[in-house]
Amino acid sequence: MDSTAYGEGGETQAIKTGAPLAKTSDVRPARAGDVREAATQEPVTELFAPSQRPTEDIMVGNRLGPGSGPEALGMNPATEKLSDVLAKMIPYDQTGEIAILYQRAASRGL
């Protein structure tokens, strides 16, 4: 059932006839048994559990750390400097904290 305000039904129907609507594949919800089975395949590590990789540097995977960074996952590196992003946020900063972060980032060339 369409959710339209009174009198908008005709306009909505006209819009729908202007172009074909997208077709979706037959999507069915997962069965409870499938969800339980997927959940038991690999245990979830608790947030404060001891590290399962104690010899691995904490910065691995970070673009500033050792080893492969986000490019290993096919992720493009940021094209905009941190200081540029923070500069855009300064006009909306009510506390002055963004301005402080901006100054720190700019002084480090980030």
PDB file of N, CA and C in Angstrom:
ATOM      1  N   MET A   1       0.840  -1.172   0.000  1.00  0.00           N
ATOM      2  CA  MET A   1       0.000   0.000   0.000  1.00  0.00           C
ATOM      3  C   MET A   1       0.885   1.234   0.000  1.00  0.00           C
ATOM      4  N   ASP A   2       0.599   2.176  -0.895  1.00  0.00           N
ATOM      5  CA  ASP A   2       1.394   3.397  -0.972  1.00  0.00           C
ATOM      6  C   ASP A   2       1.090   4.295   0.202  1.00  0.00           C
ATOM      7  N   SER A   3       2.110   4.922   0.716  1.00  0.00           N
ATOM      8  CA  SER A   3       1.949   5.861   1.807  1.00  0.00           C
ATOM      9  C   SER A   3       2.042   7.261   1.238  1.00  0.00           C
ATOM     10  N   THR A   4       0.914   7.838   0.913  1.00  0.00           N
ATOM     11  CA  THR A   4       0.898   9.187   0.352  1.00  0.00           C
ATOM     12  C   THR A   4      -0.141  10.011   1.084  1.00  0.00           C
ATOM     13  N   ALA A   5       0.094  11.303   1.106  1.00  0.00           N
ATOM     14  CA  ALA A   5      -0.871  12.213   1.704  1.00  0.00           C
ATOM     15  C   ALA A   5      -2.096  12.283   0.802  1.00  0.00           C
ATOM     16  N   TYR A   6      -3.189  12.725   1.368  1.00  0.00           N
ATOM     17  CA  TYR A   6      -4.432  12.804   0.621  1.00  0.00           C
ATOM     18  C   TYR A   6      -4.241  13.651  -0.634  1.00  0.00           C
ATOM     19  N   GLY A   7      -4.627  13.127  -1.775  1.00  0.00           N
ATOM     20  CA  GLY A   7      -4.562  13.870  -3.024  1.00  0.00           C
ATOM     21  C   GLY A   7      -3.280  13.656  -3.805  1.00  0.00           C
ATOM     22  N   GLU A   8      -2.299  12.975  -3.234  1.00  0.00           N
ATOM     23  CA  GLU A   8      -1.040  12.763  -3.940  1.00  0.00           C
ATOM     24  C   GLU A   8      -0.996  11.430  -4.677  1.00  0.00           C
ATOM     25  N   GLY A   9      -2.006  10.611  -4.523  1.00  0.00           N
ATOM     26  CA  GLY A   9      -2.005   9.290  -5.145  1.00  0.00           C
ATOM     27  C   GLY A   9      -1.901   9.347  -6.651  1.00  0.00           C
ATOM     28  N   GLY A  10      -2.636  10.262  -7.302  1.00  0.00           N
ATOM     29  CA  GLY A  10      -2.584  10.392  -8.758  1.00  0.00           C
ATOM     30  C   GLY A  10      -1.215  10.816  -9.240  1.00  0.00           C
ATOM     31  N   GLU A  11      -0.606  11.755  -8.554  1.00  0.00           N
ATOM     32  CA  GLU A  11       0.724  12.226  -8.936  1.00  0.00           C
ATOM     33  C   GLU A  11       1.759  11.108  -8.771  1.00  0.00           C
ATOM     34  N   THR A  12       1.639  10.365  -7.674  1.00  0.00           N
ATOM     35  CA  THR A  12       2.568   9.259  -7.437  1.00  0.00           C
ATOM     36  C   THR A  12       2.427   8.210  -8.521  1.00  0.00           C
ATOM     37  N   GLN A  13       1.216   7.881  -8.892  1.00  0.00           N
ATOM     38  CA  GLN A  13       0.986   6.885  -9.934  1.00  0.00           C
ATOM     39  C   GLN A  13       1.531   7.363 -11.269  1.00  0.00           C
ATOM     40  N   ALA A  14       1.402   8.655 -11.573  1.00  0.00           N
ATOM     41  CA  ALA A  14       1.931   9.193 -12.821  1.00  0.00           C
ATOM     42  C   ALA A  14       3.449   9.101 -12.850  1.00  0.00           C
ATOM     43  N   ILE A  15       4.072   9.347 -11.739  1.00  0.00           N
ATOM     44  CA  ILE A  15       5.530   9.249 -11.664  1.00  0.00           C
ATOM     45  C   ILE A  15       5.964   7.808 -11.894  1.00  0.00           C
ATOM     46  N   LYS A  16       5.251   6.867 -11.309  1.00  0.00           N
ATOM     47  CA  LYS A  16       5.596   5.458 -11.453  1.00  0.00           C
ATOM     48  C   LYS A  16       5.486   4.983 -12.897  1.00  0.00           C
ATOM     49  N   THR A  17       4.556   5.510 -13.656  1.00  0.00           N
ATOM     50  CA  THR A  17       4.381   5.071 -15.040  1.00  0.00           C
ATOM     51  C   THR A  17       5.385   5.726 -15.973  1.00  0.00           C
ATOM     52  N   GLY A  18       6.123   6.730 -15.513  1.00  0.00           N
ATOM     53  CA  GLY A  18       7.084   7.429 -16.358  1.00  0.00           C
ATOM     54  C   GLY A  18       8.294   6.592 -16.701  1.00  0.00           C
ATOM     55  N   ALA A  19       8.677   5.692 -15.846  1.00  0.00           N
ATOM     56  CA  ALA A  19       9.841   4.836 -16.088  1.00  0.00           C
ATOM     57  C   ALA A  19       9.592   3.506 -15.405  1.00  0.00           C
ATOM     58  N   PRO A  20      10.142   2.444 -15.973  1.00  0.00           N
ATOM     59  CA  PRO A  20       9.932   1.140 -15.340  1.00  0.00           C
ATOM     60  C   PRO A  20      10.613   1.080 -13.969  1.00  0.00           C
ATOM     61  N   LEU A  21       9.947   0.442 -13.026  1.00  0.00           N
ATOM     62  CA  LEU A  21      10.509   0.291 -11.690  1.00  0.00           C
ATOM     63  C   LEU A  21      11.543  -0.828 -11.697  1.00  0.00           C
ATOM     64  N   ALA A  22      12.514  -0.718 -10.831  1.00  0.00           N
ATOM     65  CA  ALA A  22      13.566  -1.729 -10.739  1.00  0.00           C
ATOM     66  C   ALA A  22      12.972  -3.045 -10.270  1.00  0.00           C
ATOM     67  N   LYS A  23      13.502  -4.114 -10.784  1.00  0.00           N
ATOM     68  CA  LYS A  23      13.062  -5.445 -10.380  1.00  0.00           C
ATOM     69  C   LYS A  23      14.082  -5.999  -9.404  1.00  0.00           C
ATOM     70  N   THR A  24      13.604  -6.578  -8.327  1.00  0.00           N
ATOM     71  CA  THR A  24      14.501  -7.189  -7.350  1.00  0.00           C
ATOM     72  C   THR A  24      14.395  -8.698  -7.452  1.00  0.00           C
ATOM     73  N   SER A  25      15.495  -9.352  -7.122  1.00  0.00           N
ATOM     74  CA  SER A  25      15.465 -10.806  -7.130  1.00  0.00           C
ATOM     75  C   SER A  25      14.615 -11.285  -5.957  1.00  0.00           C
ATOM     76  N   ASP A  26      14.305 -12.552  -5.995  1.00  0.00           N
ATOM     77  CA  ASP A  26      13.492 -13.129  -4.933  1.00  0.00           C
ATOM     78  C   ASP A  26      14.336 -13.190  -3.663  1.00  0.00           C
ATOM     79  N   VAL A  27      14.100 -12.282  -2.755  1.00  0.00           N
ATOM     80  CA  VAL A  27      14.872 -12.210  -1.524  1.00  0.00           C
ATOM     81  C   VAL A  27      14.037 -12.805  -0.406  1.00  0.00           C
ATOM     82  N   ARG A  28      14.619 -13.778   0.245  1.00  0.00           N
ATOM     83  CA  ARG A  28      13.914 -14.425   1.349  1.00  0.00           C
ATOM     84  C   ARG A  28      14.763 -14.289   2.602  1.00  0.00           C
ATOM     85  N   PRO A  29      14.130 -14.133   3.746  1.00  0.00           N
ATOM     86  CA  PRO A  29      14.910 -14.018   4.982  1.00  0.00           C
ATOM     87  C   PRO A  29      15.618 -15.325   5.298  1.00  0.00           C
ATOM     88  N   ALA A  30      16.744 -15.204   5.991  1.00  0.00           N
ATOM     89  CA  ALA A  30      17.493 -16.395   6.386  1.00  0.00           C
ATOM     90  C   ALA A  30      16.703 -17.164   7.439  1.00  0.00           C
ATOM     91  N   ARG A  31      16.807 -18.460   7.383  1.00  0.00           N
ATOM     92  CA  ARG A  31      16.154 -19.284   8.388  1.00  0.00           C
ATOM     93  C   ARG A  31      16.927 -19.201   9.691  1.00  0.00           C
ATOM     94  N   ALA A  32      16.269 -19.355  10.803  1.00  0.00           N
ATOM     95  CA  ALA A  32      16.903 -19.262  12.115  1.00  0.00           C
ATOM     96  C   ALA A  32      18.032 -20.285  12.251  1.00  0.00           C
ATOM     97  N   GLY A  33      17.853 -21.443  11.716  1.00  0.00           N
ATOM     98  CA  GLY A  33      18.887 -22.478  11.786  1.00  0.00           C
ATOM     99  C   GLY A  33      20.146 -22.059  11.039  1.00  0.00           C
ATOM    100  N   ASP A  34      19.977 -21.415   9.880  1.00  0.00           N
ATOM    101  CA  ASP A  34      21.132 -20.950   9.114  1.00  0.00           C
ATOM    102  C   ASP A  34      21.888 -19.870   9.872  1.00  0.00           C
ATOM    103  N   VAL A  35      21.159 -18.998  10.544  1.00  0.00           N
ATOM    104  CA  VAL A  35      21.791 -17.926  11.314  1.00  0.00           C
ATOM    105  C   VAL A  35      22.574 -18.513  12.474  1.00  0.00           C
ATOM    106  N   ARG A  36      21.979 -19.461  13.187  1.00  0.00           N
ATOM    107  CA  ARG A  36      22.675 -20.097  14.307  1.00  0.00           C
ATOM    108  C   ARG A  36      23.928 -20.819  13.833  1.00  0.00           C
ATOM    109  N   GLU A  37      23.831 -21.508  12.704  1.00  0.00           N
ATOM    110  CA  GLU A  37      24.972 -22.248  12.165  1.00  0.00           C
ATOM    111  C   GLU A  37      26.104 -21.278  11.791  1.00  0.00           C
ATOM    112  N   ALA A  38      25.777 -20.188  11.173  1.00  0.00           N
ATOM    113  CA  ALA A  38      26.791 -19.201  10.805  1.00  0.00           C
ATOM    114  C   ALA A  38      27.440 -18.593  12.043  1.00  0.00           C
ATOM    115  N   ALA A  39      26.676 -18.404  13.086  1.00  0.00           N
ATOM    116  CA  ALA A  39      27.198 -17.800  14.306  1.00  0.00           C
ATOM    117  C   ALA A  39      28.145 -18.741  15.040  1.00  0.00           C
ATOM    118  N   THR A  40      27.964 -20.036  14.874  1.00  0.00           N
ATOM    119  CA  THR A  40      28.812 -20.987  15.597  1.00  0.00           C
ATOM    120  C   THR A  40      30.057 -21.362  14.805  1.00  0.00           C
ATOM    121  N   GLN A  41      30.201 -20.909  13.583  1.00  0.00           N
ATOM    122  CA  GLN A  41      31.356 -21.285  12.783  1.00  0.00           C
ATOM    123  C   GLN A  41      32.644 -20.660  13.313  1.00  0.00           C
ATOM    124  N   GLU A  42      32.614 -19.409  13.709  1.00  0.00           N
ATOM    125  CA  GLU A  42      33.810 -18.753  14.222  1.00  0.00           C
ATOM    126  C   GLU A  42      33.438 -17.959  15.460  1.00  0.00           C
ATOM    127  N   PRO A  43      34.132 -18.201  16.573  1.00  0.00           N
ATOM    128  CA  PRO A  43      33.761 -17.494  17.798  1.00  0.00           C
ATOM    129  C   PRO A  43      34.076 -15.998  17.698  1.00  0.00           C
ATOM    130  N   VAL A  44      33.272 -15.219  18.376  1.00  0.00           N
ATOM    131  CA  VAL A  44      33.469 -13.779  18.418  1.00  0.00           C
ATOM    132  C   VAL A  44      34.438 -13.466  19.544  1.00  0.00           C
ATOM    133  N   THR A  45      35.444 -12.637  19.247  1.00  0.00           N
ATOM    134  CA  THR A  45      36.409 -12.241  20.270  1.00  0.00           C
ATOM    135  C   THR A  45      35.814 -11.105  21.085  1.00  0.00           C
ATOM    136  N   GLU A  46      35.849 -11.260  22.389  1.00  0.00           N
ATOM    137  CA  GLU A  46      35.335 -10.225  23.278  1.00  0.00           C
ATOM    138  C   GLU A  46      36.199  -8.977  23.175  1.00  0.00           C
ATOM    139  N   LEU A  47      35.624  -7.825  23.452  1.00  0.00           N
ATOM    140  CA  LEU A  47      36.317  -6.550  23.316  1.00  0.00           C
ATOM    141  C   LEU A  47      37.577  -6.472  24.169  1.00  0.00           C
ATOM    142  N   PHE A  48      37.513  -6.898  25.414  1.00  0.00           N
ATOM    143  CA  PHE A  48      38.651  -6.773  26.315  1.00  0.00           C
ATOM    144  C   PHE A  48      39.402  -8.093  26.504  1.00  0.00           C
ATOM    145  N   ALA A  49      39.237  -9.017  25.576  1.00  0.00           N
ATOM    146  CA  ALA A  49      39.950 -10.295  25.637  1.00  0.00           C
ATOM    147  C   ALA A  49      41.428 -10.065  25.329  1.00  0.00           C
ATOM    148  N   PRO A  50      42.299 -10.932  25.811  1.00  0.00           N
ATOM    149  CA  PRO A  50      43.721 -10.804  25.466  1.00  0.00           C
ATOM    150  C   PRO A  50      43.896 -10.891  23.945  1.00  0.00           C
ATOM    151  N   SER A  51      44.943 -10.261  23.455  1.00  0.00           N
ATOM    152  CA  SER A  51      45.212 -10.238  22.024  1.00  0.00           C
ATOM    153  C   SER A  51      45.404 -11.644  21.483  1.00  0.00           C
ATOM    154  N   GLN A  52      44.854 -11.909  20.322  1.00  0.00           N
ATOM    155  CA  GLN A  52      45.075 -13.190  19.664  1.00  0.00           C
ATOM    156  C   GLN A  52      46.289 -13.101  18.751  1.00  0.00           C
ATOM    157  N   ARG A  53      46.887 -11.900  18.643  1.00  0.00           N
ATOM    158  CA  ARG A  53      48.089 -11.678  17.844  1.00  0.00           C
ATOM    159  C   ARG A  53      49.083 -10.843  18.668  1.00  0.00           C
ATOM    160  N   PRO A  54      49.624 -11.403  19.734  1.00  0.00           N
ATOM    161  CA  PRO A  54      50.473 -10.619  20.637  1.00  0.00           C
ATOM    162  C   PRO A  54      51.763 -10.103  20.006  1.00  0.00           C
ATOM    163  N   THR A  55      52.246 -10.731  18.944  1.00  0.00           N
ATOM    164  CA  THR A  55      53.498 -10.281  18.325  1.00  0.00           C
ATOM    165  C   THR A  55      53.272  -9.263  17.213  1.00  0.00           C
ATOM    166  N   GLU A  56      52.016  -9.006  16.888  1.00  0.00           N
ATOM    167  CA  GLU A  56      51.709  -8.081  15.798  1.00  0.00           C
ATOM    168  C   GLU A  56      51.614  -6.654  16.323  1.00  0.00           C
ATOM    169  N   ASP A  57      52.267  -5.713  15.625  1.00  0.00           N
ATOM    170  CA  ASP A  57      52.232  -4.303  16.008  1.00  0.00           C
ATOM    171  C   ASP A  57      50.794  -3.804  15.952  1.00  0.00           C
ATOM    172  N   ILE A  58      50.420  -2.963  16.889  1.00  0.00           N
ATOM    173  CA  ILE A  58      49.055  -2.461  16.980  1.00  0.00           C
ATOM    174  C   ILE A  58      48.673  -1.594  15.774  1.00  0.00           C
ATOM    175  N   MET A  59      49.667  -1.049  15.073  1.00  0.00           N
ATOM    176  CA  MET A  59      49.397  -0.165  13.950  1.00  0.00           C
ATOM    177  C   MET A  59      49.343  -0.881  12.605  1.00  0.00           C
ATOM    178  N   VAL A  60      49.498  -2.201  12.575  1.00  0.00           N
ATOM    179  CA  VAL A  60      49.424  -2.940  11.319  1.00  0.00           C
ATOM    180  C   VAL A  60      48.053  -2.718  10.696  1.00  0.00           C
ATOM    181  N   GLY A  61      48.053  -2.404   9.426  1.00  0.00           N
ATOM    182  CA  GLY A  61      46.810  -2.131   8.705  1.00  0.00           C
ATOM    183  C   GLY A  61      46.486  -0.658   8.637  1.00  0.00           C
ATOM    184  N   ASN A  62      47.119   0.129   9.475  1.00  0.00           N
ATOM    185  CA  ASN A  62      46.951   1.575   9.448  1.00  0.00           C
ATOM    186  C   ASN A  62      47.940   2.117   8.430  1.00  0.00           C
ATOM    187  N   ARG A  63      47.587   3.142   7.694  1.00  0.00           N
ATOM    188  CA  ARG A  63      48.487   3.642   6.658  1.00  0.00           C
ATOM    189  C   ARG A  63      49.777   4.198   7.231  1.00  0.00           C
ATOM    190  N   LEU A  64      49.800   4.524   8.530  1.00  0.00           N
ATOM    191  CA  LEU A  64      51.008   5.052   9.150  1.00  0.00           C
ATOM    192  C   LEU A  64      51.829   3.968   9.825  1.00  0.00           C
ATOM    193  N   GLY A  65      51.308   2.770   9.916  1.00  0.00           N
ATOM    194  CA  GLY A  65      51.986   1.702  10.629  1.00  0.00           C
ATOM    195  C   GLY A  65      52.792   0.808   9.714  1.00  0.00           C
ATOM    196  N   PRO A  66      53.467  -0.201  10.290  1.00  0.00           N
ATOM    197  CA  PRO A  66      54.263  -1.124   9.492  1.00  0.00           C
ATOM    198  C   PRO A  66      53.381  -2.093   8.713  1.00  0.00           C
ATOM    199  N   GLY A  67      53.963  -2.701   7.714  1.00  0.00           N
ATOM    200  CA  GLY A  67      53.240  -3.712   6.952  1.00  0.00           C
ATOM    201  C   GLY A  67      52.227  -3.121   5.999  1.00  0.00           C
ATOM    202  N   SER A  68      51.359  -3.980   5.512  1.00  0.00           N
ATOM    203  CA  SER A  68      50.346  -3.552   4.551  1.00  0.00           C
ATOM    204  C   SER A  68      49.353  -2.607   5.196  1.00  0.00           C
ATOM    205  N   GLY A  69      48.925  -1.642   4.436  1.00  0.00           N
ATOM    206  CA  GLY A  69      47.924  -0.692   4.906  1.00  0.00           C
ATOM    207  C   GLY A  69      46.605  -0.952   4.216  1.00  0.00           C
ATOM    208  N   PRO A  70      45.746   0.054   4.155  1.00  0.00           N
ATOM    209  CA  PRO A  70      44.438  -0.115   3.537  1.00  0.00           C
ATOM    210  C   PRO A  70      44.501  -0.492   2.063  1.00  0.00           C
ATOM    211  N   GLU A  71      45.631  -0.198   1.404  1.00  0.00           N
ATOM    212  CA  GLU A  71      45.750  -0.538  -0.016  1.00  0.00           C
ATOM    213  C   GLU A  71      45.696  -2.049  -0.239  1.00  0.00           C
ATOM    214  N   ALA A  72      46.055  -2.834   0.774  1.00  0.00           N
ATOM    215  CA  ALA A  72      45.990  -4.291   0.662  1.00  0.00           C
ATOM    216  C   ALA A  72      44.551  -4.764   0.522  1.00  0.00           C
ATOM    217  N   LEU A  73      43.623  -3.970   1.011  1.00  0.00           N
ATOM    218  CA  LEU A  73      42.200  -4.309   0.906  1.00  0.00           C
ATOM    219  C   LEU A  73      41.557  -3.670  -0.313  1.00  0.00           C
ATOM    220  N   GLY A  74      42.378  -2.990  -1.127  1.00  0.00           N
ATOM    221  CA  GLY A  74      41.844  -2.318  -2.306  1.00  0.00           C
ATOM    222  C   GLY A  74      41.203  -0.992  -1.981  1.00  0.00           C
ATOM    223  N   MET A  75      41.488  -0.481  -0.791  1.00  0.00           N
ATOM    224  CA  MET A  75      40.911   0.805  -0.394  1.00  0.00           C
ATOM    225  C   MET A  75      41.826   1.918  -0.882  1.00  0.00           C
ATOM    226  N   ASN A  76      41.235   2.951  -1.443  1.00  0.00           N
ATOM    227  CA  ASN A  76      42.018   4.088  -1.890  1.00  0.00           C
ATOM    228  C   ASN A  76      42.433   4.929  -0.696  1.00  0.00           C
ATOM    229  N   PRO A  77      43.651   5.422  -0.712  1.00  0.00           N
ATOM    230  CA  PRO A  77      44.058   6.296   0.388  1.00  0.00           C
ATOM    231  C   PRO A  77      43.277   7.597   0.349  1.00  0.00           C
ATOM    232  N   ALA A  78      43.216   8.260   1.481  1.00  0.00           N
ATOM    233  CA  ALA A  78      42.482   9.519   1.554  1.00  0.00           C
ATOM    234  C   ALA A  78      43.100  10.522   0.587  1.00  0.00           C
ATOM    235  N   THR A  79      42.264  11.197  -0.161  1.00  0.00           N
ATOM    236  CA  THR A  79      42.752  12.179  -1.119  1.00  0.00           C
ATOM    237  C   THR A  79      42.739  13.577  -0.520  1.00  0.00           C
ATOM    238  N   GLU A  80      42.154  13.722   0.650  1.00  0.00           N
ATOM    239  CA  GLU A  80      42.055  15.025   1.289  1.00  0.00           C
ATOM    240  C   GLU A  80      42.806  14.981   2.610  1.00  0.00           C
ATOM    241  N   LYS A  81      43.580  16.031   2.859  1.00  0.00           N
ATOM    242  CA  LYS A  81      44.345  16.080   4.097  1.00  0.00           C
ATOM    243  C   LYS A  81      43.411  16.262   5.283  1.00  0.00           C
ATOM    244  N   LEU A  82      43.827  15.744   6.426  1.00  0.00           N
ATOM    245  CA  LEU A  82      43.045  15.861   7.647  1.00  0.00           C
ATOM    246  C   LEU A  82      42.784  17.323   7.983  1.00  0.00           C
ATOM    247  N   SER A  83      43.807  18.153   7.843  1.00  0.00           N
ATOM    248  CA  SER A  83      43.637  19.574   8.176  1.00  0.00           C
ATOM    249  C   SER A  83      42.594  20.235   7.275  1.00  0.00           C
ATOM    250  N   ASP A  84      42.504  19.808   6.009  1.00  0.00           N
ATOM    251  CA  ASP A  84      41.490  20.363   5.107  1.00  0.00           C
ATOM    252  C   ASP A  84      40.080  19.976   5.545  1.00  0.00           C
ATOM    253  N   VAL A  85      39.919  18.742   5.987  1.00  0.00           N
ATOM    254  CA  VAL A  85      38.611  18.291   6.472  1.00  0.00           C
ATOM    255  C   VAL A  85      38.225  19.062   7.730  1.00  0.00           C
ATOM    256  N   LEU A  86      39.189  19.209   8.647  1.00  0.00           N
ATOM    257  CA  LEU A  86      38.906  19.936   9.890  1.00  0.00           C
ATOM    258  C   LEU A  86      38.605  21.407   9.613  1.00  0.00           C
ATOM    259  N   ALA A  87      39.291  22.011   8.645  1.00  0.00           N
ATOM    260  CA  ALA A  87      39.044  23.414   8.306  1.00  0.00           C
ATOM    261  C   ALA A  87      37.601  23.627   7.868  1.00  0.00           C
ATOM    262  N   LYS A  88      37.038  22.656   7.170  1.00  0.00           N
ATOM    263  CA  LYS A  88      35.634  22.756   6.738  1.00  0.00           C
ATOM    264  C   LYS A  88      34.673  22.668   7.922  1.00  0.00           C
ATOM    265  N   MET A  89      35.109  22.035   9.003  1.00  0.00           N
ATOM    266  CA  MET A  89      34.240  21.847  10.162  1.00  0.00           C
ATOM    267  C   MET A  89      34.293  23.012  11.144  1.00  0.00           C
ATOM    268  N   ILE A  90      35.322  23.842  11.077  1.00  0.00           N
ATOM    269  CA  ILE A  90      35.507  24.922  12.047  1.00  0.00           C
ATOM    270  C   ILE A  90      34.291  25.854  12.154  1.00  0.00           C
ATOM    271  N   PRO A  91      33.658  26.254  11.056  1.00  0.00           N
ATOM    272  CA  PRO A  91      32.509  27.158  11.201  1.00  0.00           C
ATOM    273  C   PRO A  91      31.358  26.580  12.029  1.00  0.00           C
ATOM    274  N   TYR A  92      31.291  25.264  12.151  1.00  0.00           N
ATOM    275  CA  TYR A  92      30.198  24.629  12.877  1.00  0.00           C
ATOM    276  C   TYR A  92      30.601  24.229  14.297  1.00  0.00           C
ATOM    277  N   ASP A  93      31.848  24.492  14.666  1.00  0.00           N
ATOM    278  CA  ASP A  93      32.388  24.089  15.962  1.00  0.00           C
ATOM    279  C   ASP A  93      31.950  25.080  17.041  1.00  0.00           C
ATOM    280  N   GLN A  94      31.184  24.616  17.984  1.00  0.00           N
ATOM    281  CA  GLN A  94      30.697  25.464  19.079  1.00  0.00           C
ATOM    282  C   GLN A  94      31.646  25.495  20.267  1.00  0.00           C
ATOM    283  N   THR A  95      32.565  24.525  20.346  1.00  0.00           N
ATOM    284  CA  THR A  95      33.416  24.389  21.527  1.00  0.00           C
ATOM    285  C   THR A  95      34.850  24.863  21.321  1.00  0.00           C
ATOM    286  N   GLY A  96      35.279  25.003  20.079  1.00  0.00           N
ATOM    287  CA  GLY A  96      36.660  25.372  19.797  1.00  0.00           C
ATOM    288  C   GLY A  96      37.590  24.185  19.703  1.00  0.00           C
ATOM    289  N   GLU A  97      37.073  22.978  19.944  1.00  0.00           N
ATOM    290  CA  GLU A  97      37.909  21.781  19.911  1.00  0.00           C
ATOM    291  C   GLU A  97      38.372  21.445  18.501  1.00  0.00           C
ATOM    292  N   ILE A  98      37.520  21.672  17.516  1.00  0.00           N
ATOM    293  CA  ILE A  98      37.898  21.390  16.129  1.00  0.00           C
ATOM    294  C   ILE A  98      39.037  22.313  15.701  1.00  0.00           C
ATOM    295  N   ALA A  99      38.984  23.566  16.128  1.00  0.00           N
ATOM    296  CA  ALA A  99      40.048  24.515  15.788  1.00  0.00           C
ATOM    297  C   ALA A  99      41.383  24.062  16.370  1.00  0.00           C
ATOM    298  N   ILE A 100      41.353  23.524  17.576  1.00  0.00           N
ATOM    299  CA  ILE A 100      42.583  23.018  18.197  1.00  0.00           C
ATOM    300  C   ILE A 100      43.114  21.820  17.416  1.00  0.00           C
ATOM    301  N   LEU A 101      42.220  20.903  17.059  1.00  0.00           N
ATOM    302  CA  LEU A 101      42.630  19.744  16.272  1.00  0.00           C
ATOM    303  C   LEU A 101      43.175  20.174  14.916  1.00  0.00           C
ATOM    304  N   TYR A 102      42.536  21.175  14.322  1.00  0.00           N
ATOM    305  CA  TYR A 102      43.010  21.701  13.034  1.00  0.00           C
ATOM    306  C   TYR A 102      44.428  22.221  13.158  1.00  0.00           C
ATOM    307  N   GLN A 103      44.691  23.019  14.185  1.00  0.00           N
ATOM    308  CA  GLN A 103      46.032  23.585  14.376  1.00  0.00           C
ATOM    309  C   GLN A 103      47.076  22.485  14.557  1.00  0.00           C
ATOM    310  N   ARG A 104      46.742  21.460  15.322  1.00  0.00           N
ATOM    311  CA  ARG A 104      47.682  20.351  15.529  1.00  0.00           C
ATOM    312  C   ARG A 104      47.942  19.602  14.229  1.00  0.00           C
ATOM    313  N   ALA A 105      46.880  19.314  13.491  1.00  0.00           N
ATOM    314  CA  ALA A 105      47.036  18.581  12.229  1.00  0.00           C
ATOM    315  C   ALA A 105      47.830  19.402  11.218  1.00  0.00           C
ATOM    316  N   ALA A 106      47.516  20.688  11.105  1.00  0.00           N
ATOM    317  CA  ALA A 106      48.219  21.550  10.162  1.00  0.00           C
ATOM    318  C   ALA A 106      49.701  21.675  10.514  1.00  0.00           C
ATOM    319  N   SER A 107      50.006  21.752  11.808  1.00  0.00           N
ATOM    320  CA  SER A 107      51.413  21.882  12.205  1.00  0.00           C
ATOM    321  C   SER A 107      52.210  20.628  11.914  1.00  0.00           C
ATOM    322  N   ARG A 108      51.533  19.489  11.775  1.00  0.00           N
ATOM    323  CA  ARG A 108      52.212  18.230  11.470  1.00  0.00           C
ATOM    324  C   ARG A 108      52.140  17.908   9.979  1.00  0.00           C
ATOM    325  N   GLY A 109      51.499  18.772   9.212  1.00  0.00           N
ATOM    326  CA  GLY A 109      51.403  18.542   7.777  1.00  0.00           C
ATOM    327  C   GLY A 109      50.383  17.497   7.386  1.00  0.00           C
ATOM    328  N   LEU A 110      49.479  17.209   8.296  1.00  0.00           N
ATOM    329  CA  LEU A 110      48.439  16.197   8.018  1.00  0.00           C
ATOM    330  C   LEU A 110      47.226  16.818   7.388  1.00  0.00           C
TER     331      LEU A 110
END
